[in-house]
Amino acid sequence: MPLLEMMLAPETMKTQQKIVESGRELEFHVEILEIRAEISEFRTKIPKIVTLTV
């Protein structure tokens, strides 16, 4: 392993870790948004279901 790579390795690892962490955060936000979308979709379906059953 060249000296420069050895010097940069810890920084590269930190950067990769940050990228992974921010990626996980993004996935988490996307999941929350998807859940919210499903909830609002469900809410719009409820009145239709209620009117059909009545």
N, C-alpha and C. Protein backbone atom coordinates (compact mmCIF):
# COMPACT_ATOMS: atom_id res chain seq x y z
N MET A 1 0.86 -1.20 0.00
CA MET A 1 0.00 0.00 0.00
C MET A 1 0.89 1.25 0.00
N PRO A 2 0.72 2.11 -0.99
CA PRO A 2 1.55 3.32 -1.04
C PRO A 2 1.32 4.21 0.18
N LEU A 3 2.34 4.99 0.51
CA LEU A 3 2.30 5.85 1.70
C LEU A 3 1.12 6.82 1.65
N LEU A 4 0.89 7.43 0.50
CA LEU A 4 -0.20 8.39 0.36
C LEU A 4 -1.54 7.74 0.67
N GLU A 5 -1.74 6.54 0.13
CA GLU A 5 -2.99 5.82 0.39
C GLU A 5 -3.15 5.51 1.87
N MET A 6 -2.03 5.15 2.52
CA MET A 6 -2.07 4.86 3.96
C MET A 6 -2.46 6.10 4.74
N MET A 7 -1.99 7.24 4.30
CA MET A 7 -2.31 8.49 4.98
C MET A 7 -3.76 8.88 4.74
N LEU A 8 -4.27 8.61 3.55
CA LEU A 8 -5.63 9.00 3.20
C LEU A 8 -6.68 7.97 3.64
N ALA A 9 -6.25 6.75 3.89
CA ALA A 9 -7.19 5.67 4.23
C ALA A 9 -8.15 6.03 5.37
N PRO A 10 -7.64 6.53 6.53
CA PRO A 10 -8.59 6.85 7.61
C PRO A 10 -9.63 7.89 7.19
N GLU A 11 -9.20 8.90 6.46
CA GLU A 11 -10.13 9.93 5.99
C GLU A 11 -11.15 9.35 5.02
N THR A 12 -10.65 8.49 4.13
CA THR A 12 -11.55 7.86 3.16
C THR A 12 -12.60 7.03 3.89
N MET A 13 -12.15 6.30 4.91
CA MET A 13 -13.07 5.48 5.70
C MET A 13 -14.12 6.35 6.38
N LYS A 14 -13.68 7.47 6.96
CA LYS A 14 -14.62 8.39 7.62
C LYS A 14 -15.64 8.91 6.62
N THR A 15 -15.15 9.31 5.45
CA THR A 15 -16.03 9.84 4.42
C THR A 15 -17.04 8.79 3.99
N GLN A 16 -16.56 7.55 3.77
CA GLN A 16 -17.45 6.46 3.38
C GLN A 16 -18.50 6.21 4.45
N GLN A 17 -18.06 6.28 5.70
CA GLN A 17 -18.99 6.05 6.81
C GLN A 17 -20.06 7.14 6.82
N LYS A 18 -19.65 8.39 6.59
CA LYS A 18 -20.61 9.50 6.55
C LYS A 18 -21.60 9.30 5.42
N ILE A 19 -21.09 8.86 4.26
CA ILE A 19 -21.96 8.63 3.11
C ILE A 19 -22.98 7.54 3.44
N VAL A 20 -22.49 6.46 4.07
CA VAL A 20 -23.39 5.36 4.46
C VAL A 20 -24.44 5.86 5.45
N GLU A 21 -24.01 6.63 6.44
CA GLU A 21 -24.94 7.14 7.45
C GLU A 21 -25.98 8.06 6.82
N SER A 22 -25.53 8.97 5.95
CA SER A 22 -26.50 9.87 5.32
C SER A 22 -27.41 9.10 4.38
N GLY A 23 -26.89 8.04 3.77
CA GLY A 23 -27.72 7.17 2.93
C GLY A 23 -28.81 6.51 3.74
N ARG A 24 -28.43 6.03 4.94
CA ARG A 24 -29.42 5.40 5.82
C ARG A 24 -30.47 6.42 6.25
N GLU A 25 -30.02 7.64 6.56
CA GLU A 25 -30.97 8.70 6.94
C GLU A 25 -31.95 8.96 5.82
N LEU A 26 -31.44 9.02 4.59
CA LEU A 26 -32.30 9.26 3.44
C LEU A 26 -33.31 8.13 3.28
N GLU A 27 -32.84 6.89 3.43
CA GLU A 27 -33.75 5.74 3.33
C GLU A 27 -34.84 5.85 4.39
N PHE A 28 -34.45 6.26 5.59
CA PHE A 28 -35.38 6.41 6.70
C PHE A 28 -36.44 7.45 6.36
N HIS A 29 -35.99 8.61 5.82
CA HIS A 29 -36.92 9.67 5.43
C HIS A 29 -37.85 9.20 4.33
N VAL A 30 -37.31 8.47 3.37
CA VAL A 30 -38.13 7.96 2.27
C VAL A 30 -39.20 7.02 2.82
N GLU A 31 -38.81 6.14 3.76
CA GLU A 31 -39.77 5.22 4.37
C GLU A 31 -40.88 5.99 5.07
N ILE A 32 -40.51 7.03 5.82
CA ILE A 32 -41.50 7.86 6.52
C ILE A 32 -42.46 8.48 5.51
N LEU A 33 -41.92 9.02 4.43
CA LEU A 33 -42.75 9.64 3.40
C LEU A 33 -43.69 8.62 2.77
N GLU A 34 -43.17 7.41 2.52
CA GLU A 34 -44.01 6.36 1.93
C GLU A 34 -45.14 5.98 2.87
N ILE A 35 -44.81 5.87 4.18
CA ILE A 35 -45.83 5.54 5.18
C ILE A 35 -46.88 6.64 5.23
N ARG A 36 -46.44 7.89 5.22
CA ARG A 36 -47.38 9.03 5.24
C ARG A 36 -48.28 8.99 4.01
N ALA A 37 -47.69 8.68 2.87
CA ALA A 37 -48.47 8.61 1.63
C ALA A 37 -49.52 7.51 1.73
N GLU A 38 -49.12 6.37 2.29
CA GLU A 38 -50.07 5.26 2.46
C GLU A 38 -51.19 5.64 3.41
N ILE A 39 -50.85 6.34 4.48
CA ILE A 39 -51.86 6.77 5.47
C ILE A 39 -52.86 7.72 4.80
N SER A 40 -52.35 8.71 4.07
CA SER A 40 -53.26 9.67 3.43
C SER A 40 -54.10 8.98 2.35
N GLU A 41 -53.52 7.99 1.68
CA GLU A 41 -54.26 7.23 0.67
C GLU A 41 -55.38 6.46 1.36
N PHE A 42 -55.04 5.86 2.51
CA PHE A 42 -56.01 5.09 3.29
C PHE A 42 -57.14 6.00 3.77
N ARG A 43 -56.77 7.21 4.21
CA ARG A 43 -57.78 8.17 4.70
C ARG A 43 -58.76 8.55 3.60
N THR A 44 -58.26 8.67 2.37
CA THR A 44 -59.16 9.04 1.28
C THR A 44 -60.06 7.86 0.91
N LYS A 45 -59.60 6.64 1.20
CA LYS A 45 -60.41 5.45 0.89
C LYS A 45 -61.49 5.22 1.93
N ILE A 46 -61.25 5.62 3.18
CA ILE A 46 -62.19 5.37 4.27
C ILE A 46 -63.60 5.91 3.96
N PRO A 47 -63.75 7.18 3.57
CA PRO A 47 -65.10 7.68 3.30
C PRO A 47 -65.81 6.87 2.21
N LYS A 48 -65.05 6.45 1.19
CA LYS A 48 -65.64 5.66 0.11
C LYS A 48 -66.12 4.32 0.63
N ILE A 49 -65.33 3.69 1.49
CA ILE A 49 -65.70 2.40 2.08
C ILE A 49 -66.95 2.58 2.94
N VAL A 50 -66.96 3.65 3.73
CA VAL A 50 -68.10 3.92 4.62
C VAL A 50 -69.37 4.14 3.81
N THR A 51 -69.29 4.90 2.73
CA THR A 51 -70.49 5.17 1.93
C THR A 51 -70.96 3.90 1.21
N LEU A 52 -70.04 3.03 0.87
CA LEU A 52 -70.41 1.78 0.20
C LEU A 52 -71.12 0.83 1.15
N THR A 53 -70.68 0.80 2.41
CA THR A 53 -71.26 -0.14 3.37
C THR A 53 -72.58 0.35 3.94
N VAL A 54 -72.80 1.66 3.93
CA VAL A 54 -74.04 2.22 4.51
C VAL A 54 -75.20 2.02 3.56
